[in-house]
Amino acid sequence: MKLHKAWKDTVASLAKKTDEQMKLDQQRKTDRLAIVTREISELEQRVTKTEEDFKEISETVRKELTRFNRQKARDFKSTVVNYLQCMMKLESCPSLLHLQTTAMNALKSCTPCQSR
């Protein structure tokens, strides 16, 4: 966000300097006009640089988000597969199923602690 703001601020500064240059040109103030023209050239370079930086960082963020989303999907799929495999093992072993049922019933019968 800071880079985007810097880019837009530089663009705004360039617009102001361009307006100032036009006014000085109309007033035929050549001494100040040369300085403003040099400042405009520097601002144009800064605008180009900050725009390139912003686009580069935006592309990097976009790539990282895409990578993150792919990894998140892989992790979710892996977790679901592991869960299903565990459930299949649990169903194939009646004693574990009985333990799970007992534990669930015990948890259901517990009353939550009341905070004061």
Protein backbone atom coordinates (compact mmCIF):
# COMPACT_ATOMS: atom_id res chain seq x y z
CA MET A 1 0.00 0.00 0.00
CA LYS A 2 2.84 2.40 0.79
CA LEU A 3 4.39 1.83 -2.60
CA HIS A 4 1.08 2.47 -4.35
CA LYS A 5 0.64 5.69 -2.36
CA ALA A 6 4.20 6.77 -3.21
CA TRP A 7 3.51 6.13 -6.88
CA LYS A 8 0.25 8.10 -6.84
CA ASP A 9 1.87 10.94 -4.85
CA THR A 10 4.65 11.15 -7.42
CA VAL A 11 2.09 11.26 -10.22
CA ALA A 12 0.27 14.08 -8.42
CA SER A 13 3.54 15.99 -7.94
CA LEU A 14 4.32 15.57 -11.62
CA ALA A 15 0.91 16.98 -12.55
CA LYS A 16 1.48 20.01 -10.30
CA LYS A 17 4.93 20.63 -11.77
CA THR A 18 3.54 20.34 -15.29
CA ASP A 19 0.89 22.94 -14.45
CA GLU A 20 3.58 25.16 -12.96
CA GLN A 21 5.68 24.73 -16.10
CA MET A 22 2.78 25.82 -18.31
CA LYS A 23 2.18 28.91 -16.17
CA LEU A 24 5.85 29.85 -16.21
CA ASP A 25 5.96 29.33 -19.96
CA GLN A 26 2.98 31.65 -20.40
CA GLN A 27 4.60 34.24 -18.15
CA ARG A 28 7.89 33.81 -20.05
CA LYS A 29 9.94 33.24 -16.89
CA THR A 30 12.79 31.34 -18.46
CA ASP A 31 15.05 31.30 -15.39
CA ARG A 32 12.56 29.37 -13.26
CA LEU A 33 11.29 27.40 -16.28
CA ALA A 34 14.62 25.59 -16.70
CA ILE A 35 14.56 24.47 -13.05
CA VAL A 36 10.97 23.25 -13.25
CA THR A 37 11.70 21.41 -16.51
CA ARG A 38 14.58 19.57 -14.81
CA GLU A 39 12.32 18.75 -11.83
CA ILE A 40 9.69 17.40 -14.23
CA SER A 41 12.28 15.16 -15.84
CA GLU A 42 13.29 13.80 -12.42
CA LEU A 43 9.65 13.28 -11.43
CA GLU A 44 8.94 11.41 -14.68
CA GLN A 45 11.81 9.06 -13.88
CA ARG A 46 10.51 8.57 -10.34
CA VAL A 47 6.99 7.90 -11.63
CA THR A 48 8.33 5.26 -13.99
CA LYS A 49 10.47 3.67 -11.25
CA THR A 50 7.72 3.61 -8.62
CA GLU A 51 5.20 2.24 -11.14
CA GLU A 52 7.60 -0.56 -12.11
CA ASP A 53 8.27 -1.33 -8.44
CA PHE A 54 4.54 -1.41 -7.70
CA LYS A 55 3.82 -3.72 -10.63
CA GLU A 56 6.70 -6.02 -9.67
CA ILE A 57 5.55 -6.28 -6.06
CA SER A 58 1.93 -6.76 -7.14
CA GLU A 59 2.98 -9.65 -9.39
CA THR A 60 5.03 -11.19 -6.58
CA VAL A 61 2.07 -10.96 -4.19
CA ARG A 62 -0.24 -12.45 -6.81
CA LYS A 63 2.15 -15.38 -7.34
CA GLU A 64 2.49 -15.95 -3.60
CA LEU A 65 -1.30 -15.94 -3.13
CA THR A 66 -1.70 -18.43 -5.95
CA ARG A 67 0.99 -20.66 -4.43
CA PHE A 68 -0.62 -20.33 -0.99
CA ASN A 69 -4.06 -21.28 -2.32
CA ARG A 70 -2.65 -24.32 -4.13
CA GLN A 71 -0.82 -25.42 -0.98
CA LYS A 72 -3.94 -24.84 1.11
CA ALA A 73 -5.96 -27.05 -1.25
CA ARG A 74 -3.30 -29.79 -1.13
CA ASP A 75 -3.17 -29.62 2.68
CA PHE A 76 -6.97 -29.79 2.93
CA LYS A 77 -7.13 -32.76 0.56
CA SER A 78 -4.39 -34.55 2.51
CA THR A 79 -6.17 -33.92 5.81
CA VAL A 80 -9.48 -35.23 4.48
CA VAL A 81 -7.81 -38.33 3.04
CA ASN A 82 -6.03 -39.01 6.35
CA TYR A 83 -9.29 -38.51 8.24
CA LEU A 84 -11.15 -40.89 5.97
CA GLN A 85 -8.40 -43.50 6.24
CA CYS A 86 -8.53 -43.25 10.03
CA MET A 87 -12.30 -43.60 9.98
CA MET A 88 -12.05 -46.68 7.76
CA LYS A 89 -9.55 -48.25 10.19
CA LEU A 90 -11.79 -47.36 13.09
CA GLU A 91 -14.81 -48.98 11.48
CA SER A 92 -12.84 -52.13 10.74
CA CYS A 93 -11.95 -52.50 14.42
CA PRO A 94 -15.09 -52.93 16.59
CA SER A 95 -13.24 -52.45 19.89
CA LEU A 96 -12.03 -49.00 18.80
CA LEU A 97 -15.53 -48.11 17.65
CA HIS A 98 -16.84 -49.11 21.08
CA LEU A 99 -14.18 -46.93 22.78
CA GLN A 100 -15.11 -44.00 20.59
CA THR A 101 -18.81 -44.41 21.35
CA THR A 102 -18.10 -44.60 25.07
CA ALA A 103 -15.91 -41.51 24.95
CA MET A 104 -18.51 -39.56 22.98
CA ASN A 105 -21.26 -40.54 25.44
CA ALA A 106 -19.04 -39.46 28.34
CA LEU A 107 -18.39 -36.12 26.69
CA LYS A 108 -22.08 -35.59 26.04
CA SER A 109 -22.94 -36.23 29.66
CA CYS A 110 -20.39 -33.70 30.95
CA THR A 111 -21.79 -30.27 31.73
CA PRO A 112 -19.70 -27.27 30.71
CA CYS A 113 -18.07 -25.28 33.48
CA GLN A 114 -19.90 -22.10 34.40
CA SER A 115 -17.65 -19.01 34.54
CA ARG A 116 -18.32 -16.50 37.27
